[in-house]
Amino acid sequence: MGLSLFGVGLGMTVLADYGLPGWDVFHQGLAEQTPLTIGTAVVLVGALLLLAMLVLREPIGVGTIANVIVVGLVLDAVLWIFDEPASTAARVILALTGPVVVAVGSGFYIGVHLGPGPRDGIMTALGRRGITIWKARFGIEAAALVSGILLGGTVGWGTVWFLVVIGPAVHFFLSHLSLPLEADELPAT
């Protein structure tokens, strides 16, 4: 359920067309420079980030592998099923709520400890090294955003909104939706 919510939330931000989240600016830039769809770019980048997780010795579980596959497929499905809304109000609602849906999805799938997704694995690896979750998430989103801009991805006020909201929202939902951990497993807050 969490991974599907994550993909739906990303689809909401893409459909809003007010600027994509940092990672999706990057994925869109890759899709524009190659014959890939944005969802396929999500899957391929996720696979590469799995390698980075191995280097950082972050646990890889069933949830990690599922994330690489499910999020990109759900994103492409949302974009295939739904057209961009004609109503400005609907687009604004999608842009404002998309990051929250992504954060709820993150809280659910990271919180069951079946392994974080590859992007979240980098975030939690940094958390285990003393960087607060919200700062880690902000930093990786910003790095993806800059790379995406260089590749020609779309930015706008929705990009800024996602960047500002995602770190605190993931931090909040992780703390409320996670199964209890042992004291030595808790990320820095």
N, C-alpha and C. Protein backbone atom coordinates (compact mmCIF):
# COMPACT_ATOMS: atom_id res chain seq x y z
N MET A 1 0.82 -1.19 0.00
CA MET A 1 0.00 0.00 0.00
C MET A 1 0.87 1.26 0.00
N GLY A 2 1.92 1.28 0.81
CA GLY A 2 2.77 2.46 0.89
C GLY A 2 3.43 2.80 -0.43
N LEU A 3 3.92 1.78 -1.14
CA LEU A 3 4.58 2.03 -2.42
C LEU A 3 3.60 2.55 -3.46
N SER A 4 2.39 2.01 -3.44
CA SER A 4 1.37 2.49 -4.37
C SER A 4 1.01 3.94 -4.07
N LEU A 5 0.86 4.28 -2.77
CA LEU A 5 0.59 5.67 -2.40
C LEU A 5 1.72 6.59 -2.87
N PHE A 6 2.94 6.12 -2.72
CA PHE A 6 4.09 6.91 -3.16
C PHE A 6 3.98 7.20 -4.66
N GLY A 7 3.72 6.17 -5.46
CA GLY A 7 3.58 6.35 -6.90
C GLY A 7 2.42 7.25 -7.28
N VAL A 8 1.30 7.10 -6.56
CA VAL A 8 0.14 7.96 -6.82
C VAL A 8 0.47 9.41 -6.48
N GLY A 9 1.14 9.64 -5.35
CA GLY A 9 1.53 11.00 -4.97
C GLY A 9 2.43 11.65 -6.01
N LEU A 10 3.38 10.87 -6.54
CA LEU A 10 4.23 11.41 -7.60
C LEU A 10 3.42 11.72 -8.84
N GLY A 11 2.51 10.81 -9.18
CA GLY A 11 1.64 11.05 -10.33
C GLY A 11 0.82 12.32 -10.17
N MET A 12 0.36 12.57 -8.94
CA MET A 12 -0.40 13.79 -8.66
C MET A 12 0.42 15.03 -8.97
N THR A 13 1.68 15.02 -8.58
CA THR A 13 2.52 16.20 -8.82
C THR A 13 2.83 16.38 -10.30
N VAL A 14 3.01 15.26 -11.01
CA VAL A 14 3.26 15.36 -12.45
C VAL A 14 2.01 15.89 -13.16
N LEU A 15 0.83 15.36 -12.80
CA LEU A 15 -0.41 15.82 -13.42
C LEU A 15 -0.71 17.29 -13.11
N ALA A 16 -0.31 17.75 -11.94
CA ALA A 16 -0.54 19.15 -11.57
C ALA A 16 0.18 20.10 -12.53
N ASP A 17 1.35 19.68 -12.99
CA ASP A 17 2.14 20.45 -13.96
C ASP A 17 2.54 21.84 -13.46
N TYR A 18 2.83 21.92 -12.17
CA TYR A 18 3.33 23.17 -11.60
C TYR A 18 4.79 23.03 -11.19
N GLY A 19 5.46 22.03 -11.72
CA GLY A 19 6.84 21.75 -11.35
C GLY A 19 6.89 20.43 -10.62
N LEU A 20 7.88 19.65 -10.95
CA LEU A 20 8.00 18.30 -10.40
C LEU A 20 8.86 18.28 -9.15
N PRO A 21 8.69 17.23 -8.34
CA PRO A 21 9.59 17.02 -7.20
C PRO A 21 11.02 16.86 -7.72
N GLY A 22 11.99 17.14 -6.86
CA GLY A 22 13.39 17.10 -7.26
C GLY A 22 13.79 15.85 -8.02
N TRP A 23 13.48 14.68 -7.46
CA TRP A 23 13.85 13.44 -8.14
C TRP A 23 13.14 13.31 -9.48
N ASP A 24 11.92 13.78 -9.56
CA ASP A 24 11.18 13.62 -10.81
C ASP A 24 11.56 14.66 -11.85
N VAL A 25 12.11 15.79 -11.42
CA VAL A 25 12.74 16.69 -12.38
C VAL A 25 13.90 15.93 -13.03
N PHE A 26 14.65 15.22 -12.20
CA PHE A 26 15.76 14.40 -12.70
C PHE A 26 15.26 13.27 -13.61
N HIS A 27 14.23 12.54 -13.15
CA HIS A 27 13.69 11.44 -13.96
C HIS A 27 13.12 11.97 -15.28
N GLN A 28 12.41 13.09 -15.22
CA GLN A 28 11.86 13.67 -16.44
C GLN A 28 12.99 14.11 -17.38
N GLY A 29 14.03 14.71 -16.82
CA GLY A 29 15.17 15.09 -17.64
C GLY A 29 15.78 13.89 -18.34
N LEU A 30 15.92 12.78 -17.60
CA LEU A 30 16.41 11.54 -18.23
C LEU A 30 15.47 11.07 -19.32
N ALA A 31 14.16 11.12 -19.04
CA ALA A 31 13.18 10.67 -20.03
C ALA A 31 13.20 11.56 -21.28
N GLU A 32 13.45 12.84 -21.09
CA GLU A 32 13.52 13.74 -22.25
C GLU A 32 14.78 13.52 -23.08
N GLN A 33 15.84 13.06 -22.44
CA GLN A 33 17.11 12.85 -23.14
C GLN A 33 17.24 11.44 -23.72
N THR A 34 16.29 10.56 -23.39
CA THR A 34 16.32 9.15 -23.82
C THR A 34 14.92 8.74 -24.27
N PRO A 35 14.76 7.53 -24.77
CA PRO A 35 13.42 7.06 -25.12
C PRO A 35 12.61 6.51 -23.93
N LEU A 36 13.09 6.69 -22.72
CA LEU A 36 12.42 6.15 -21.53
C LEU A 36 11.19 6.96 -21.16
N THR A 37 10.20 6.31 -20.51
CA THR A 37 9.13 7.03 -19.84
C THR A 37 9.67 7.51 -18.50
N ILE A 38 8.95 8.43 -17.86
CA ILE A 38 9.39 8.90 -16.55
C ILE A 38 9.39 7.76 -15.54
N GLY A 39 8.40 6.86 -15.62
CA GLY A 39 8.35 5.71 -14.71
C GLY A 39 9.50 4.76 -14.91
N THR A 40 9.88 4.52 -16.16
CA THR A 40 11.02 3.66 -16.44
C THR A 40 12.31 4.30 -15.93
N ALA A 41 12.41 5.61 -16.05
CA ALA A 41 13.57 6.31 -15.49
C ALA A 41 13.62 6.14 -13.98
N VAL A 42 12.45 6.20 -13.32
CA VAL A 42 12.38 5.97 -11.87
C VAL A 42 12.94 4.59 -11.53
N VAL A 43 12.54 3.58 -12.29
CA VAL A 43 12.99 2.20 -12.04
C VAL A 43 14.50 2.08 -12.25
N LEU A 44 15.01 2.61 -13.34
CA LEU A 44 16.45 2.48 -13.63
C LEU A 44 17.31 3.25 -12.62
N VAL A 45 16.90 4.45 -12.25
CA VAL A 45 17.64 5.20 -11.24
C VAL A 45 17.59 4.46 -9.91
N GLY A 46 16.42 3.90 -9.59
CA GLY A 46 16.29 3.13 -8.35
C GLY A 46 17.27 1.97 -8.31
N ALA A 47 17.43 1.29 -9.43
CA ALA A 47 18.37 0.16 -9.49
C ALA A 47 19.80 0.64 -9.24
N LEU A 48 20.16 1.78 -9.81
CA LEU A 48 21.50 2.33 -9.57
C LEU A 48 21.69 2.74 -8.11
N LEU A 49 20.64 3.28 -7.50
CA LEU A 49 20.74 3.67 -6.10
C LEU A 49 20.84 2.46 -5.17
N LEU A 50 20.33 1.31 -5.62
CA LEU A 50 20.54 0.08 -4.84
C LEU A 50 22.03 -0.20 -4.68
N LEU A 51 22.77 0.05 -5.73
CA LEU A 51 24.23 -0.14 -5.64
C LEU A 51 24.83 0.81 -4.61
N ALA A 52 24.37 2.06 -4.57
CA ALA A 52 24.86 3.01 -3.57
C ALA A 52 24.50 2.55 -2.16
N MET A 53 23.31 1.97 -2.00
CA MET A 53 22.91 1.45 -0.69
C MET A 53 23.85 0.34 -0.24
N LEU A 54 24.26 -0.50 -1.18
CA LEU A 54 25.21 -1.57 -0.84
C LEU A 54 26.52 -0.98 -0.34
N VAL A 55 27.01 0.06 -1.02
CA VAL A 55 28.24 0.71 -0.61
C VAL A 55 28.10 1.31 0.79
N LEU A 56 26.93 1.91 1.08
CA LEU A 56 26.69 2.51 2.39
C LEU A 56 26.27 1.49 3.45
N ARG A 57 26.18 0.22 3.03
CA ARG A 57 25.81 -0.88 3.93
C ARG A 57 24.44 -0.67 4.57
N GLU A 58 23.54 -0.09 3.79
CA GLU A 58 22.17 0.09 4.24
C GLU A 58 21.43 -1.22 3.95
N PRO A 59 20.61 -1.68 4.88
CA PRO A 59 19.89 -2.94 4.65
C PRO A 59 19.00 -2.86 3.41
N ILE A 60 19.05 -3.91 2.63
CA ILE A 60 18.18 -4.03 1.46
C ILE A 60 17.25 -5.20 1.72
N GLY A 61 15.97 -4.93 1.63
CA GLY A 61 14.98 -5.96 1.89
C GLY A 61 13.97 -6.07 0.77
N VAL A 62 12.92 -6.82 1.05
CA VAL A 62 11.84 -7.00 0.08
C VAL A 62 11.25 -5.65 -0.31
N GLY A 63 11.09 -4.76 0.68
CA GLY A 63 10.55 -3.43 0.40
C GLY A 63 11.44 -2.61 -0.51
N THR A 64 12.74 -2.79 -0.39
CA THR A 64 13.69 -2.06 -1.23
C THR A 64 13.52 -2.46 -2.69
N ILE A 65 13.50 -3.77 -2.91
CA ILE A 65 13.35 -4.29 -4.27
C ILE A 65 11.98 -3.91 -4.84
N ALA A 66 10.94 -4.05 -4.02
CA ALA A 66 9.58 -3.71 -4.46
C ALA A 66 9.50 -2.24 -4.84
N ASN A 67 10.17 -1.38 -4.08
CA ASN A 67 10.14 0.05 -4.38
C ASN A 67 10.69 0.34 -5.77
N VAL A 68 11.80 -0.30 -6.09
CA VAL A 68 12.43 -0.06 -7.39
C VAL A 68 11.44 -0.34 -8.51
N ILE A 69 10.62 -1.36 -8.35
CA ILE A 69 9.70 -1.77 -9.40
C ILE A 69 8.36 -1.04 -9.32
N VAL A 70 7.74 -1.03 -8.14
CA VAL A 70 6.35 -0.59 -7.99
C VAL A 70 6.17 0.91 -8.22
N VAL A 71 7.00 1.74 -7.65
CA VAL A 71 6.78 3.19 -7.73
C VAL A 71 6.77 3.67 -9.18
N GLY A 72 7.73 3.26 -9.97
CA GLY A 72 7.78 3.68 -11.37
C GLY A 72 6.61 3.15 -12.17
N LEU A 73 6.22 1.89 -11.92
CA LEU A 73 5.07 1.33 -12.64
C LEU A 73 3.78 2.05 -12.28
N VAL A 74 3.58 2.33 -10.99
CA VAL A 74 2.37 3.04 -10.56
C VAL A 74 2.37 4.46 -11.13
N LEU A 75 3.50 5.13 -11.11
CA LEU A 75 3.60 6.48 -11.68
C LEU A 75 3.19 6.46 -13.15
N ASP A 76 3.76 5.56 -13.93
CA ASP A 76 3.39 5.47 -15.35
C ASP A 76 1.91 5.13 -15.52
N ALA A 77 1.37 4.25 -14.65
CA ALA A 77 -0.05 3.89 -14.73
C ALA A 77 -0.94 5.10 -14.46
N VAL A 78 -0.60 5.88 -13.43
CA VAL A 78 -1.38 7.09 -13.11
C VAL A 78 -1.38 8.03 -14.31
N LEU A 79 -0.23 8.22 -14.92
CA LEU A 79 -0.13 9.13 -16.06
C LEU A 79 -0.82 8.58 -17.30
N TRP A 80 -0.93 7.27 -17.41
CA TRP A 80 -1.62 6.65 -18.53
C TRP A 80 -3.14 6.74 -18.35
N ILE A 81 -3.60 6.55 -17.11
CA ILE A 81 -5.05 6.53 -16.81
C ILE A 81 -5.65 7.93 -16.78
N PHE A 82 -4.96 8.87 -16.18
CA PHE A 82 -5.52 10.21 -15.96
C PHE A 82 -4.87 11.24 -16.88
N ASP A 83 -5.70 12.14 -17.37
CA ASP A 83 -5.21 13.29 -18.13
C ASP A 83 -4.94 14.43 -17.16
N GLU A 84 -4.10 15.35 -17.59
CA GLU A 84 -3.85 16.54 -16.79
C GLU A 84 -5.18 17.28 -16.62
N PRO A 85 -5.55 17.64 -15.39
CA PRO A 85 -6.83 18.33 -15.18
C PRO A 85 -6.86 19.68 -15.89
N ALA A 86 -8.04 20.01 -16.43
CA ALA A 86 -8.22 21.31 -17.08
C ALA A 86 -8.42 22.41 -16.04
N SER A 87 -8.94 22.05 -14.89
CA SER A 87 -9.26 23.01 -13.83
C SER A 87 -8.00 23.42 -13.07
N THR A 88 -7.80 24.73 -12.95
CA THR A 88 -6.67 25.24 -12.17
C THR A 88 -6.79 24.80 -10.72
N ALA A 89 -7.99 24.85 -10.17
CA ALA A 89 -8.20 24.45 -8.76
C ALA A 89 -7.78 23.00 -8.55
N ALA A 90 -8.16 22.12 -9.47
CA ALA A 90 -7.78 20.70 -9.33
C ALA A 90 -6.27 20.53 -9.41
N ARG A 91 -5.64 21.27 -10.29
CA ARG A 91 -4.18 21.18 -10.42
C ARG A 91 -3.49 21.68 -9.16
N VAL A 92 -3.99 22.76 -8.58
CA VAL A 92 -3.41 23.29 -7.34
C VAL A 92 -3.57 22.28 -6.21
N ILE A 93 -4.75 21.67 -6.10
CA ILE A 93 -4.97 20.65 -5.06
C ILE A 93 -4.01 19.48 -5.24
N LEU A 94 -3.84 19.02 -6.48
CA LEU A 94 -2.89 17.93 -6.74
C LEU A 94 -1.47 18.33 -6.33
N ALA A 95 -1.07 19.54 -6.68
CA ALA A 95 0.28 19.99 -6.34
C ALA A 95 0.49 20.12 -4.84
N LEU A 96 -0.53 20.60 -4.13
CA LEU A 96 -0.40 20.79 -2.68
C LEU A 96 -0.44 19.48 -1.91
N THR A 97 -1.23 18.52 -2.36
CA THR A 97 -1.41 17.27 -1.61
C THR A 97 -0.49 16.14 -2.05
N GLY A 98 0.06 16.23 -3.25
CA GLY A 98 0.95 15.17 -3.75
C GLY A 98 2.10 14.84 -2.81
N PRO A 99 2.84 15.85 -2.30
CA PRO A 99 3.95 15.54 -1.38
C PRO A 99 3.49 14.87 -0.08
N VAL A 100 2.31 15.22 0.39
CA VAL A 100 1.80 14.60 1.61
C VAL A 100 1.47 13.13 1.36
N VAL A 101 0.89 12.83 0.19
CA VAL A 101 0.60 11.44 -0.16
C VAL A 101 1.90 10.64 -0.27
N VAL A 102 2.93 11.24 -0.87
CA VAL A 102 4.24 10.59 -0.95
C VAL A 102 4.78 10.32 0.45
N ALA A 103 4.66 11.29 1.35
CA ALA A 103 5.18 11.14 2.72
C ALA A 103 4.42 10.06 3.49
N VAL A 104 3.10 9.99 3.34
CA VAL A 104 2.32 8.93 3.99
C VAL A 104 2.78 7.58 3.46
N GLY A 105 2.93 7.47 2.15
CA GLY A 105 3.42 6.23 1.56
C GLY A 105 4.78 5.85 2.10
N SER A 106 5.66 6.84 2.23
CA SER A 106 6.99 6.59 2.80
C SER A 106 6.89 6.08 4.23
N GLY A 107 6.05 6.72 5.02
CA GLY A 107 5.87 6.29 6.41
C GLY A 107 5.41 4.85 6.51
N PHE A 108 4.48 4.46 5.64
CA PHE A 108 3.98 3.09 5.66
C PHE A 108 5.05 2.08 5.26
N TYR A 109 5.71 2.30 4.12
CA TYR A 109 6.61 1.24 3.67
C TYR A 109 7.95 1.25 4.39
N ILE A 110 8.47 2.39 4.79
CA ILE A 110 9.70 2.39 5.57
C ILE A 110 9.41 1.89 6.98
N GLY A 111 8.24 2.27 7.50
CA GLY A 111 7.88 1.95 8.88
C GLY A 111 7.70 0.48 9.19
N VAL A 112 7.48 -0.37 8.17
CA VAL A 112 7.34 -1.81 8.43
C VAL A 112 8.69 -2.52 8.40
N HIS A 113 9.75 -1.78 8.12
CA HIS A 113 11.13 -2.29 8.20
C HIS A 113 11.40 -3.48 7.28
N LEU A 114 10.81 -3.44 6.07
CA LEU A 114 11.12 -4.46 5.07
C LEU A 114 12.19 -3.96 4.11
N GLY A 115 12.82 -2.87 4.49
CA GLY A 115 13.85 -2.26 3.67
C GLY A 115 13.32 -1.00 3.02
N PRO A 116 14.01 0.11 3.16
CA PRO A 116 13.56 1.35 2.54
C PRO A 116 13.77 1.31 1.04
N GLY A 117 13.06 2.16 0.33
CA GLY A 117 13.31 2.30 -1.10
C GLY A 117 14.70 2.86 -1.31
N PRO A 118 15.19 2.81 -2.53
CA PRO A 118 16.57 3.24 -2.75
C PRO A 118 16.82 4.70 -2.42
N ARG A 119 15.90 5.59 -2.74
CA ARG A 119 16.10 7.00 -2.40
C ARG A 119 16.00 7.19 -0.90
N ASP A 120 15.04 6.51 -0.28
CA ASP A 120 14.88 6.59 1.17
C ASP A 120 16.00 5.85 1.89
N GLY A 121 16.57 4.85 1.25
CA GLY A 121 17.71 4.15 1.84
C GLY A 121 18.90 5.07 2.00
N ILE A 122 19.11 5.92 1.02
CA ILE A 122 20.17 6.92 1.14
C ILE A 122 19.84 7.86 2.29
N MET A 123 18.57 8.27 2.39
CA MET A 123 18.13 9.16 3.48
C MET A 123 18.34 8.49 4.84
N THR A 124 17.91 7.24 4.99
CA THR A 124 18.04 6.58 6.29
C THR A 124 19.50 6.25 6.60
N ALA A 125 20.31 5.98 5.58
CA ALA A 125 21.74 5.76 5.81
C ALA A 125 22.38 7.01 6.39
N LEU A 126 22.02 8.16 5.86
CA LEU A 126 22.53 9.42 6.40
C LEU A 126 21.99 9.65 7.81
N GLY A 127 20.73 9.26 8.05
CA GLY A 127 20.14 9.37 9.39
C GLY A 127 20.89 8.54 10.40
N ARG A 128 21.31 7.36 10.00
CA ARG A 128 22.07 6.48 10.90
C ARG A 128 23.47 7.05 11.18
N ARG A 129 23.88 7.99 10.37
CA ARG A 129 25.20 8.62 10.56
C ARG A 129 25.08 9.99 11.23
N GLY A 130 23.93 10.27 11.84
CA GLY A 130 23.77 11.47 12.65
C GLY A 130 23.12 12.66 11.98
N ILE A 131 22.73 12.54 10.72
CA ILE A 131 22.04 13.64 10.05
C ILE A 131 20.54 13.43 10.24
N THR A 132 19.83 14.47 10.65
CA THR A 132 18.39 14.30 10.86
C THR A 132 17.72 13.92 9.55
N ILE A 133 16.63 13.15 9.67
CA ILE A 133 15.92 12.66 8.49
C ILE A 133 15.51 13.82 7.58
N TRP A 134 14.96 14.87 8.16
CA TRP A 134 14.48 15.95 7.30
C TRP A 134 15.63 16.63 6.57
N LYS A 135 16.79 16.78 7.19
CA LYS A 135 17.93 17.39 6.51
C LYS A 135 18.48 16.46 5.43
N ALA A 136 18.53 15.17 5.72
CA ALA A 136 19.01 14.21 4.73
C ALA A 136 18.10 14.21 3.51
N ARG A 137 16.78 14.17 3.75
CA ARG A 137 15.84 14.14 2.64
C ARG A 137 15.92 15.44 1.83
N PHE A 138 16.00 16.56 2.52
CA PHE A 138 16.12 17.84 1.83
C PHE A 138 17.36 17.84 0.93
N GLY A 139 18.48 17.38 1.46
CA GLY A 139 19.73 17.38 0.70
C GLY A 139 19.69 16.52 -0.54
N ILE A 140 19.15 15.31 -0.43
CA ILE A 140 19.11 14.44 -1.61
C ILE A 140 18.10 14.94 -2.64
N GLU A 141 16.99 15.52 -2.17
CA GLU A 141 16.02 16.10 -3.10
C GLU A 141 16.66 17.28 -3.85
N ALA A 142 17.42 18.11 -3.14
CA ALA A 142 18.06 19.26 -3.78
C ALA A 142 19.09 18.82 -4.81
N ALA A 143 19.88 17.80 -4.50
CA ALA A 143 20.88 17.30 -5.45
C ALA A 143 20.21 16.75 -6.71
N ALA A 144 19.12 16.00 -6.54
CA ALA A 144 18.40 15.47 -7.69
C ALA A 144 17.80 16.61 -8.52
N LEU A 145 17.29 17.62 -7.84
CA LEU A 145 16.70 18.76 -8.53
C LEU A 145 17.71 19.47 -9.42
N VAL A 146 18.87 19.76 -8.88
CA VAL A 146 19.90 20.46 -9.67
C VAL A 146 20.30 19.62 -10.88
N SER A 147 20.48 18.32 -10.68
CA SER A 147 20.83 17.43 -11.79
C SER A 147 19.72 17.42 -12.84
N GLY A 148 18.46 17.39 -12.38
CA GLY A 148 17.33 17.39 -13.30
C GLY A 148 17.22 18.66 -14.10
N ILE A 149 17.48 19.79 -13.47
CA ILE A 149 17.46 21.07 -14.18
C ILE A 149 18.50 21.05 -15.30
N LEU A 150 19.68 20.53 -15.00
CA LEU A 150 20.73 20.45 -16.01
C LEU A 150 20.35 19.55 -17.17
N LEU A 151 19.47 18.56 -16.92
CA LEU A 151 19.00 17.66 -17.98
C LEU A 151 17.75 18.18 -18.69
N GLY A 152 17.20 19.30 -18.24
CA GLY A 152 16.03 19.88 -18.91
C GLY A 152 14.70 19.54 -18.28
N GLY A 153 14.69 19.06 -17.04
CA GLY A 153 13.43 18.76 -16.35
C GLY A 153 12.67 20.03 -16.00
N THR A 154 11.37 19.87 -15.73
CA THR A 154 10.47 21.00 -15.46
C THR A 154 10.48 21.38 -13.98
N VAL A 155 10.64 22.67 -13.71
CA VAL A 155 10.57 23.19 -12.35
C VAL A 155 9.52 24.30 -12.28
N GLY A 156 9.00 24.53 -11.10
CA GLY A 156 8.00 25.57 -10.87
C GLY A 156 7.72 25.67 -9.39
N TRP A 157 6.63 26.35 -9.04
CA TRP A 157 6.33 26.50 -7.61
C TRP A 157 6.04 25.15 -6.96
N GLY A 158 5.52 24.18 -7.71
CA GLY A 158 5.28 22.84 -7.16
C GLY A 158 6.58 22.15 -6.76
N THR A 159 7.64 22.44 -7.47
CA THR A 159 8.96 21.90 -7.13
C THR A 159 9.41 22.43 -5.77
N VAL A 160 9.28 23.73 -5.59
CA VAL A 160 9.67 24.35 -4.33
C VAL A 160 8.79 23.83 -3.20
N TRP A 161 7.49 23.72 -3.44
CA TRP A 161 6.56 23.21 -2.43
C TRP A 161 6.97 21.81 -2.00
N PHE A 162 7.23 20.92 -2.96
CA PHE A 162 7.61 19.55 -2.64
C PHE A 162 8.90 19.54 -1.83
N LEU A 163 9.87 20.32 -2.24
CA LEU A 163 11.17 20.37 -1.57
C LEU A 163 11.03 20.83 -0.12
N VAL A 164 10.17 21.79 0.12
CA VAL A 164 9.97 22.32 1.47
C VAL A 164 9.17 21.35 2.34
N VAL A 165 8.17 20.69 1.77
CA VAL A 165 7.23 19.87 2.54
C VAL A 165 7.73 18.45 2.79
N ILE A 166 8.45 17.85 1.85
CA ILE A 166 8.71 16.41 1.91
C ILE A 166 9.54 16.01 3.13
N GLY A 167 10.57 16.75 3.47
CA GLY A 167 11.40 16.36 4.62
C GLY A 167 10.64 16.33 5.93
N PRO A 168 10.01 17.44 6.32
CA PRO A 168 9.24 17.42 7.56
C PRO A 168 8.08 16.43 7.53
N ALA A 169 7.42 16.28 6.37
CA ALA A 169 6.28 15.36 6.29
C ALA A 169 6.73 13.91 6.44
N VAL A 170 7.83 13.52 5.78
CA VAL A 170 8.35 12.16 5.94
C VAL A 170 8.77 11.95 7.39
N HIS A 171 9.45 12.91 7.97
CA HIS A 171 9.86 12.82 9.37
C HIS A 171 8.64 12.59 10.27
N PHE A 172 7.58 13.35 10.06
CA PHE A 172 6.36 13.22 10.86
C PHE A 172 5.73 11.83 10.69
N PHE A 173 5.53 11.40 9.44
CA PHE A 173 4.84 10.13 9.22
C PHE A 173 5.70 8.93 9.61
N LEU A 174 7.01 9.02 9.48
CA LEU A 174 7.87 7.93 9.98
C LEU A 174 7.70 7.77 11.48
N SER A 175 7.63 8.89 12.19
CA SER A 175 7.51 8.80 13.65
C SER A 175 6.14 8.32 14.09
N HIS A 176 5.12 8.43 13.25
CA HIS A 176 3.77 8.01 13.62
C HIS A 176 3.34 6.68 13.01
N LEU A 177 3.98 6.24 11.95
CA LEU A 177 3.55 5.01 11.27
C LEU A 177 4.54 3.87 11.40
N SER A 178 5.71 4.10 11.98
CA SER A 178 6.73 3.06 12.08
C SER A 178 6.45 2.09 13.20
N LEU A 179 6.81 0.84 12.95
CA LEU A 179 6.81 -0.15 14.02
C LEU A 179 7.97 0.18 14.95
N PRO A 180 7.87 -0.15 16.24
CA PRO A 180 8.94 0.20 17.18
C PRO A 180 10.28 -0.44 16.80
N LEU A 181 11.36 0.31 17.01
CA LEU A 181 12.72 -0.17 16.80
C LEU A 181 13.44 -0.26 18.13
N GLU A 182 14.51 -1.01 18.13
CA GLU A 182 15.39 -1.02 19.30
C GLU A 182 16.08 0.33 19.38
N ALA A 183 16.51 0.72 20.56
CA ALA A 183 17.12 2.04 20.77
C ALA A 183 18.31 2.29 19.85
N ASP A 184 19.12 1.26 19.59
CA ASP A 184 20.31 1.46 18.75
C ASP A 184 19.98 1.53 17.26
N GLU A 185 18.73 1.29 16.87
CA GLU A 185 18.33 1.35 15.48
C GLU A 185 17.64 2.67 15.11
N LEU A 186 17.38 3.52 16.08
CA LEU A 186 16.64 4.75 15.82
C LEU A 186 17.49 5.75 15.06
N PRO A 187 16.91 6.41 14.01
CA PRO A 187 17.64 7.45 13.30
C PRO A 187 17.71 8.71 14.15
N ALA A 188 18.65 9.58 13.81
CA ALA A 188 18.77 10.86 14.51
C ALA A 188 17.55 11.71 14.23
N THR A 189 17.09 12.46 15.24
CA THR A 189 15.93 13.34 15.03
C THR A 189 16.30 14.78 15.22
